[in-house]
Amino acid sequence: MTRIQALVGLNLTRDIGSIRLKLLLDYFKEPQAILNAPQDQLIAVSGIGGKIACAITSLKKEDIDREFREAHKLGLCIISSEDADYPVSLKNIPDPPIILYVKGELKKEDNLGVAIVGSRRASFYGLASAEKFSSELSERGFTIISGMARGIDTCAHRAAIKANGRTIAVMGSGFNNIYPPENKKLAQEISENGAVISEFPIDAPPLKEHFPQRNRTISGLALGVLVVEAAKNSGALITADFALEQGREVFAMPGKIDCSSSFGTNELIKQGAKLSSCTEDIIQEFNFSAEISHKERAIPAKQELDLSDKESVLFGLLSSQPLDLDEIIEKINMGIPDISVILLKLQIKKLIKELPGKQFVLSRPD
């Protein structure tokens, strides 16, 4: 059994998330060893009780093989957090999904992503606003991330596709149970203009408890989350909470004070979320514009910036597209301590900016 097969098997086992998996891997070292372990050894691991141990030992190889056959039949790619295709931003949250089932393609440019979420029972004002934000952000080079739910989510995805932009849908169910069912065609369109992803096994139904997990993945993939409309105790507010925990920016569109679907967004603004009435409110918060490429930007001469040779090399590598620390290390022949010091110096000089997930971009010119 391969490592990815073992991870898929563990993902098929309920109640094993990334935190419990880490405890198990610390103890057994390899996922294959976890599946081969007897119950008494599994129970010896902190946080693994008899119920979970029984579920692990009851798992059959036929179940894993069937999962891979179904994935192949549906045209899905299965990746783990150890794979190069796994989104860097998601890898850096406290509890990243063990496995991602992907229909479509995840690209490095998706690191420049904004999540747009909101009410399933959206008003005309909310739908029109979601369409406007999604369309304009897409035109500026941002990938639109949402949950493919009815209302705001669906509108955001459709607007991104219409603008010839990229969009990612994160599901709270498996691919054999696309939810809501009327969005099956939309899911196919999204996969052709980005990706549809799920961390849940292919036959997983859209259970209520799946959606908070789905929401933390939505925020984890994005630089920031825009809440367009949200009633009290809305799922969109859960996404905003996750965004704050993950160090993402939170934006909220103001609404009428006597409208129940605006309660959540107005409350977010009172709590410190960035009031967003136009696309520029979002872009300015990131302190760079997706429209400005490295080639288009007029970069001052090294002498004007008073940069050392090493600083110039690193500065010349960065652009308005986020570059994560691992990629910088791969591209530059310097030690990690030197790179860290240079990045700090360039930030002090306000020439570059660090984004969530240890990603770096050029600062926006004045």
Protein backbone atom coordinates (compact mmCIF):
# COMPACT_ATOMS: atom_id res chain seq x y z
CA MET A 1 0.00 0.00 0.00
CA THR A 2 1.32 3.43 -0.93
CA ARG A 3 1.42 6.44 1.38
CA ILE A 4 -1.37 8.26 -0.50
CA GLN A 5 -3.55 5.14 -0.37
CA ALA A 6 -3.05 4.90 3.38
CA LEU A 7 -3.91 8.59 3.83
CA VAL A 8 -7.08 8.16 1.78
CA GLY A 9 -7.97 5.19 3.98
CA LEU A 10 -7.48 7.23 7.13
CA ASN A 11 -9.57 10.01 5.60
CA LEU A 12 -12.35 7.46 5.07
CA THR A 13 -12.34 6.87 8.82
CA ARG A 14 -14.68 9.28 10.61
CA ASP A 15 -13.32 11.56 13.33
CA ILE A 16 -9.70 11.46 12.14
CA GLY A 17 -8.79 15.00 11.23
CA SER A 18 -5.36 16.47 10.62
CA ILE A 19 -4.73 17.01 14.35
CA ARG A 20 -5.39 13.35 15.29
CA LEU A 21 -3.48 12.24 12.21
CA LYS A 22 -0.43 14.19 13.39
CA LEU A 23 -0.63 12.47 16.79
CA LEU A 24 -0.84 9.09 15.06
CA LEU A 25 2.04 9.88 12.71
CA ASP A 26 4.20 11.08 15.61
CA TYR A 27 3.66 7.66 17.17
CA PHE A 28 3.70 5.33 14.13
CA LYS A 29 5.81 7.48 11.73
CA GLU A 30 4.09 6.20 8.54
CA PRO A 31 0.36 6.16 7.61
CA GLN A 32 0.69 2.56 6.42
CA ALA A 33 1.84 1.57 9.92
CA ILE A 34 -1.28 3.20 11.41
CA LEU A 35 -3.56 1.01 9.29
CA ASN A 36 -1.59 -2.12 10.24
CA ALA A 37 -1.51 -1.38 13.98
CA PRO A 38 -3.59 -3.43 16.47
CA GLN A 39 -6.30 -1.72 18.51
CA ASP A 40 -4.33 -1.71 21.78
CA GLN A 41 -1.46 0.24 20.14
CA LEU A 42 -3.87 2.70 18.55
CA ILE A 43 -5.64 3.35 21.85
CA ALA A 44 -2.24 4.09 23.43
CA VAL A 45 -2.06 7.26 21.31
CA SER A 46 -3.42 10.38 23.02
CA GLY A 47 -6.84 11.37 21.65
CA ILE A 48 -7.51 7.98 20.00
CA GLY A 49 -10.24 6.12 21.85
CA GLY A 50 -11.72 2.70 21.32
CA LYS A 51 -14.30 3.88 18.77
CA ILE A 52 -11.71 5.42 16.43
CA ALA A 53 -9.30 2.52 16.93
CA CYS A 54 -12.05 0.09 15.99
CA ALA A 55 -12.90 2.11 12.87
CA ILE A 56 -9.24 2.07 11.76
CA THR A 57 -8.80 -1.66 12.24
CA SER A 58 -12.13 -2.35 10.51
CA LEU A 59 -11.12 -0.50 7.36
CA LYS A 60 -10.70 -2.80 4.37
CA LYS A 61 -8.30 -2.38 1.48
CA GLU A 62 -11.28 -2.94 -0.84
CA ASP A 63 -12.80 0.31 0.51
CA ILE A 64 -9.64 2.23 -0.40
CA ASP A 65 -9.43 0.60 -3.84
CA ARG A 66 -13.06 1.48 -4.52
CA GLU A 67 -12.41 5.11 -3.57
CA PHE A 68 -9.61 5.35 -6.14
CA ARG A 69 -11.73 3.67 -8.81
CA GLU A 70 -14.55 6.13 -8.20
CA ALA A 71 -12.11 9.04 -8.31
CA HIS A 72 -10.77 7.85 -11.67
CA LYS A 73 -14.31 7.40 -12.99
CA LEU A 74 -15.25 10.96 -11.99
CA GLY A 75 -12.03 12.48 -13.30
CA LEU A 76 -10.77 13.51 -9.85
CA CYS A 77 -7.22 14.03 -8.70
CA ILE A 78 -6.48 13.06 -5.09
CA ILE A 79 -3.73 15.04 -3.34
CA SER A 80 -2.40 15.22 0.20
CA SER A 81 -0.70 18.06 2.06
CA GLU A 82 2.63 16.45 1.13
CA ASP A 83 2.03 16.98 -2.61
CA ALA A 84 3.39 19.95 -4.57
CA ASP A 85 -0.11 20.72 -5.94
CA TYR A 86 -1.56 21.14 -2.45
CA PRO A 87 -2.27 24.89 -1.91
CA VAL A 88 0.44 26.50 0.21
CA SER A 89 -2.01 28.83 1.93
CA LEU A 90 -4.14 25.88 3.05
CA LYS A 91 -1.13 23.89 4.21
CA ASN A 92 -0.33 26.63 6.73
CA ILE A 93 -3.65 26.67 8.62
CA PRO A 94 -3.80 24.89 12.01
CA ASP A 95 -5.86 21.91 10.76
CA PRO A 96 -5.44 21.49 6.99
CA PRO A 97 -7.49 18.77 5.25
CA ILE A 98 -5.70 15.42 5.11
CA ILE A 99 -6.85 14.82 1.55
CA LEU A 100 -8.27 16.98 -1.23
CA TYR A 101 -10.33 15.54 -4.05
CA VAL A 102 -9.92 17.93 -6.98
CA LYS A 103 -11.90 18.22 -10.19
CA GLY A 104 -10.24 20.77 -12.44
CA GLU A 105 -6.85 22.32 -11.74
CA LEU A 106 -5.32 24.22 -8.85
CA LYS A 107 -2.70 26.75 -9.97
CA LYS A 108 -0.12 28.92 -8.22
CA GLU A 109 -2.03 32.00 -9.36
CA ASP A 110 -4.88 30.87 -7.09
CA ASN A 111 -2.74 32.05 -4.16
CA LEU A 112 -4.14 35.45 -5.12
CA GLY A 113 -7.62 34.48 -3.97
CA VAL A 114 -10.54 36.24 -2.30
CA ALA A 115 -13.45 34.33 -0.78
CA ILE A 116 -16.92 35.75 -1.34
CA VAL A 117 -19.60 34.26 0.91
CA GLY A 118 -23.06 35.17 2.11
CA SER A 119 -26.68 34.29 2.61
CA ARG A 120 -28.42 31.43 0.81
CA ARG A 121 -31.61 33.54 0.87
CA ALA A 122 -29.96 36.61 -0.58
CA SER A 123 -31.74 39.80 -1.54
CA PHE A 124 -31.55 41.26 -5.02
CA TYR A 125 -29.17 43.89 -3.61
CA GLY A 126 -26.93 41.19 -2.18
CA LEU A 127 -26.88 39.16 -5.39
CA ALA A 128 -26.14 42.21 -7.51
CA SER A 129 -23.34 43.26 -5.15
CA ALA A 130 -21.80 39.77 -5.09
CA GLU A 131 -21.82 39.74 -8.89
CA LYS A 132 -20.16 43.16 -9.03
CA PHE A 133 -17.40 42.32 -6.53
CA SER A 134 -16.72 38.92 -8.09
CA SER A 135 -16.62 40.27 -11.64
CA GLU A 136 -14.34 43.20 -10.81
CA LEU A 137 -11.96 41.16 -8.65
CA SER A 138 -11.76 38.53 -11.40
CA GLU A 139 -10.87 41.21 -13.92
CA ARG A 140 -8.09 42.35 -11.58
CA GLY A 141 -6.58 38.85 -11.52
CA PHE A 142 -8.02 37.44 -8.29
CA THR A 143 -9.34 33.89 -8.03
CA ILE A 144 -12.83 33.84 -6.50
CA ILE A 145 -13.34 31.22 -3.80
CA SER A 146 -16.72 30.20 -2.40
CA GLY A 147 -18.82 27.25 -1.26
CA MET A 148 -21.17 26.69 -4.24
CA ALA A 149 -24.19 27.12 -1.95
CA ARG A 150 -27.40 28.71 -3.12
CA GLY A 151 -27.57 32.50 -3.16
CA ILE A 152 -24.40 34.58 -2.80
CA ASP A 153 -21.96 31.70 -3.37
CA THR A 154 -23.56 30.61 -6.65
CA CYS A 155 -23.73 34.21 -7.86
CA ALA A 156 -20.03 34.80 -7.07
CA HIS A 157 -18.94 31.68 -8.99
CA ARG A 158 -21.08 32.53 -12.02
CA ALA A 159 -19.82 36.12 -12.15
CA ALA A 160 -16.18 34.96 -12.08
CA ILE A 161 -16.81 32.54 -14.95
CA LYS A 162 -18.62 35.23 -16.93
CA ALA A 163 -15.63 37.55 -16.43
CA ASN A 164 -13.31 34.80 -17.77
CA GLY A 165 -11.68 34.56 -14.35
CA ARG A 166 -10.73 31.62 -12.16
CA THR A 167 -12.95 30.33 -9.39
CA ILE A 168 -12.71 27.56 -6.79
CA ALA A 169 -15.70 25.87 -5.15
CA VAL A 170 -15.26 24.06 -1.83
CA MET A 171 -17.92 21.43 -1.16
CA GLY A 172 -19.29 20.13 2.13
CA SER A 173 -20.02 16.72 0.63
CA GLY A 174 -18.45 14.11 -1.62
CA PHE A 175 -18.47 14.25 -5.41
CA ASN A 176 -21.23 11.63 -5.69
CA ASN A 177 -23.47 13.94 -3.66
CA ILE A 178 -22.99 17.41 -5.17
CA TYR A 179 -24.97 19.89 -3.09
CA PRO A 180 -27.20 21.63 -3.83
CA PRO A 181 -28.16 19.16 -6.60
CA GLU A 182 -29.25 21.93 -8.97
CA ASN A 183 -25.62 23.10 -9.08
CA LYS A 184 -24.28 19.97 -10.81
CA LYS A 185 -23.95 21.86 -14.08
CA LEU A 186 -22.32 24.80 -12.30
CA ALA A 187 -19.82 22.41 -10.68
CA GLN A 188 -18.78 21.23 -14.13
CA GLU A 189 -18.40 24.82 -15.35
CA ILE A 190 -16.31 25.72 -12.30
CA SER A 191 -14.02 22.72 -12.89
CA GLU A 192 -13.39 24.03 -16.41
CA ASN A 193 -12.55 27.52 -15.08
CA GLY A 194 -10.69 26.60 -11.91
CA ALA A 195 -11.45 23.74 -9.55
CA VAL A 196 -14.09 22.08 -7.41
CA ILE A 197 -12.59 20.53 -4.28
CA SER A 198 -13.75 18.47 -1.33
CA GLU A 199 -11.97 16.93 1.64
CA PHE A 200 -14.79 14.43 2.14
CA PRO A 201 -14.90 10.87 0.76
CA ILE A 202 -16.63 10.55 -2.60
CA ASP A 203 -19.87 9.10 -1.19
CA ALA A 204 -20.09 11.50 1.78
CA PRO A 205 -23.54 13.13 2.07
CA PRO A 206 -23.96 16.87 2.76
CA LEU A 207 -24.19 16.48 6.52
CA LYS A 208 -24.72 19.56 8.70
CA GLU A 209 -21.44 19.01 10.56
CA HIS A 210 -19.46 19.02 7.30
CA PHE A 211 -20.11 22.66 6.50
CA PRO A 212 -18.07 24.30 9.29
CA GLN A 213 -15.14 22.15 8.07
CA ARG A 214 -15.84 23.30 4.54
CA ASN A 215 -15.91 26.93 5.71
CA ARG A 216 -12.45 26.74 7.30
CA THR A 217 -11.10 25.47 3.97
CA ILE A 218 -12.72 28.36 2.09
CA SER A 219 -11.03 30.93 4.33
CA GLY A 220 -7.79 28.94 4.40
CA LEU A 221 -7.47 29.13 0.62
CA ALA A 222 -7.98 32.91 0.51
CA LEU A 223 -6.03 36.04 1.34
CA GLY A 224 -9.26 37.49 2.70
CA VAL A 225 -12.98 36.83 3.04
CA LEU A 226 -15.72 39.20 1.88
CA VAL A 227 -19.09 38.65 3.58
CA VAL A 228 -21.80 40.14 1.37
CA GLU A 229 -24.94 39.33 3.34
CA ALA A 230 -25.35 37.28 6.51
CA ALA A 231 -28.16 36.79 8.98
CA LYS A 232 -27.54 36.14 12.67
CA ASN A 233 -25.71 32.79 13.20
CA SER A 234 -25.11 32.48 9.46
CA GLY A 235 -22.55 30.04 8.08
CA ALA A 236 -20.85 33.00 6.42
CA LEU A 237 -20.05 34.35 9.89
CA ILE A 238 -18.41 31.02 10.76
CA THR A 239 -16.20 31.48 7.69
CA ALA A 240 -15.31 34.98 8.93
CA ASP A 241 -14.40 33.57 12.36
CA PHE A 242 -12.10 31.01 10.75
CA ALA A 243 -10.54 33.75 8.63
CA LEU A 244 -9.64 35.72 11.75
CA GLU A 245 -8.15 32.64 13.43
CA GLN A 246 -6.08 31.96 10.31
CA GLY A 247 -4.79 35.53 10.05
CA ARG A 248 -6.82 36.39 6.96
CA GLU A 249 -8.42 39.75 6.24
CA VAL A 250 -12.17 40.05 6.82
CA PHE A 251 -14.30 42.39 4.72
CA ALA A 252 -18.02 43.09 5.11
CA MET A 253 -20.49 44.89 2.89
CA PRO A 254 -22.78 47.21 4.87
CA GLY A 255 -26.55 46.73 4.62
CA LYS A 256 -29.82 48.23 5.78
CA ILE A 257 -30.12 48.26 9.56
CA ASP A 258 -33.70 46.91 9.45
CA CYS A 259 -32.83 43.99 7.16
CA SER A 260 -32.23 40.60 8.83
CA SER A 261 -29.78 39.54 6.10
CA SER A 262 -27.58 42.53 6.98
CA PHE A 263 -27.36 41.82 10.70
CA GLY A 264 -24.25 39.72 10.38
CA THR A 265 -22.31 42.04 8.07
CA ASN A 266 -23.14 45.15 10.08
CA GLU A 267 -22.10 43.33 13.26
CA LEU A 268 -18.79 42.31 11.63
CA ILE A 269 -18.09 45.95 10.76
CA LYS A 270 -18.75 46.99 14.37
CA GLN A 271 -16.27 44.32 15.46
CA GLY A 272 -13.55 45.66 13.19
CA ALA A 273 -14.07 44.07 9.77
CA LYS A 274 -13.12 46.30 6.86
CA LEU A 275 -16.21 48.08 5.52
CA SER A 276 -16.21 47.35 1.80
CA SER A 277 -18.41 49.28 -0.59
CA CYS A 278 -16.23 48.82 -3.68
CA THR A 279 -13.48 46.57 -5.03
CA GLU A 280 -10.75 49.10 -4.23
CA ASP A 281 -11.55 48.77 -0.51
CA ILE A 282 -10.39 45.17 -0.74
CA ILE A 283 -7.37 45.66 -2.98
CA GLN A 284 -6.04 48.57 -0.91
CA GLU A 285 -6.09 46.43 2.24
CA PHE A 286 -3.68 43.99 0.60
CA ASN A 287 -1.44 46.96 -0.26
CA PHE A 288 -0.88 45.84 -3.82
CA SER A 289 -2.78 45.70 -7.08
CA ALA A 290 -3.17 42.50 -9.03
CA GLU A 291 -3.17 44.55 -12.22
CA ILE A 292 0.44 45.64 -11.80
CA SER A 293 2.86 43.02 -13.04
CA HIS A 294 6.53 42.96 -12.18
CA LYS A 295 7.43 44.01 -15.72
CA GLU A 296 4.93 46.89 -15.77
CA ARG A 297 6.09 48.33 -12.50
CA ALA A 298 8.82 50.93 -12.71
CA ILE A 299 11.41 49.63 -10.26
CA PRO A 300 13.93 52.19 -9.05
CA ALA A 301 17.57 51.53 -9.69
CA LYS A 302 19.53 49.65 -7.06
CA GLN A 303 21.49 52.78 -6.20
CA GLU A 304 18.28 54.72 -5.55
CA LEU A 305 17.04 52.02 -3.21
CA ASP A 306 20.42 51.59 -1.52
CA LEU A 307 20.24 47.79 -1.78
CA SER A 308 23.04 45.33 -1.27
CA ASP A 309 23.74 42.76 -3.98
CA LYS A 310 21.84 40.06 -2.07
CA GLU A 311 18.92 42.39 -1.41
CA SER A 312 18.77 43.27 -5.11
CA VAL A 313 18.66 39.60 -6.11
CA LEU A 314 15.76 38.84 -3.80
CA PHE A 315 13.93 42.09 -4.61
CA GLY A 316 14.21 41.34 -8.34
CA LEU A 317 12.63 37.93 -7.78
CA LEU A 318 9.39 39.29 -6.33
CA SER A 319 6.42 40.72 -8.20
CA SER A 320 2.77 41.59 -7.52
CA GLN A 321 1.99 37.86 -7.60
CA PRO A 322 2.50 36.21 -4.18
CA LEU A 323 5.58 34.01 -3.84
CA ASP A 324 5.82 31.71 -0.84
CA LEU A 325 8.94 31.27 1.26
CA ASP A 326 9.61 27.73 0.02
CA GLU A 327 9.67 28.94 -3.59
CA ILE A 328 12.04 31.78 -2.68
CA ILE A 329 14.39 29.32 -0.99
CA GLU A 330 14.33 27.09 -4.10
CA LYS A 331 15.08 29.97 -6.48
CA ILE A 332 17.87 31.70 -4.54
CA ASN A 333 21.24 30.21 -3.63
CA MET A 334 21.32 31.50 -0.07
CA GLY A 335 20.90 30.03 3.36
CA ILE A 336 17.52 30.27 5.06
CA PRO A 337 18.81 32.60 7.83
CA ASP A 338 20.20 35.02 5.19
CA ILE A 339 16.94 34.98 3.25
CA SER A 340 14.93 35.67 6.41
CA VAL A 341 17.14 38.64 7.32
CA ILE A 342 16.92 40.10 3.78
CA LEU A 343 13.12 39.71 3.68
CA LEU A 344 12.88 41.56 6.99
CA LYS A 345 15.13 44.38 5.72
CA LEU A 346 13.05 44.78 2.54
CA GLN A 347 9.88 44.93 4.64
CA ILE A 348 11.41 47.59 6.90
CA LYS A 349 12.23 49.59 3.75
CA LYS A 350 8.56 49.12 2.73
CA LEU A 351 9.60 47.59 -0.59
CA ILE A 352 7.83 44.28 -0.04
CA LYS A 353 4.94 43.01 2.06
CA GLU A 354 4.34 39.68 3.77
CA LEU A 355 0.93 38.08 3.21
CA PRO A 356 -0.70 35.25 5.21
CA GLY A 357 0.95 31.87 4.71
CA LYS A 358 4.53 33.21 4.51
CA GLN A 359 3.96 34.68 1.04
CA PHE A 360 5.66 37.84 -0.20
CA VAL A 361 4.82 40.49 -2.83
CA LEU A 362 6.14 43.86 -3.91
CA SER A 363 4.51 46.72 -2.07
CA ARG A 364 2.19 48.87 -4.11
CA PRO A 365 3.91 51.99 -5.46
CA ASP A 366 2.69 55.30 -4.08
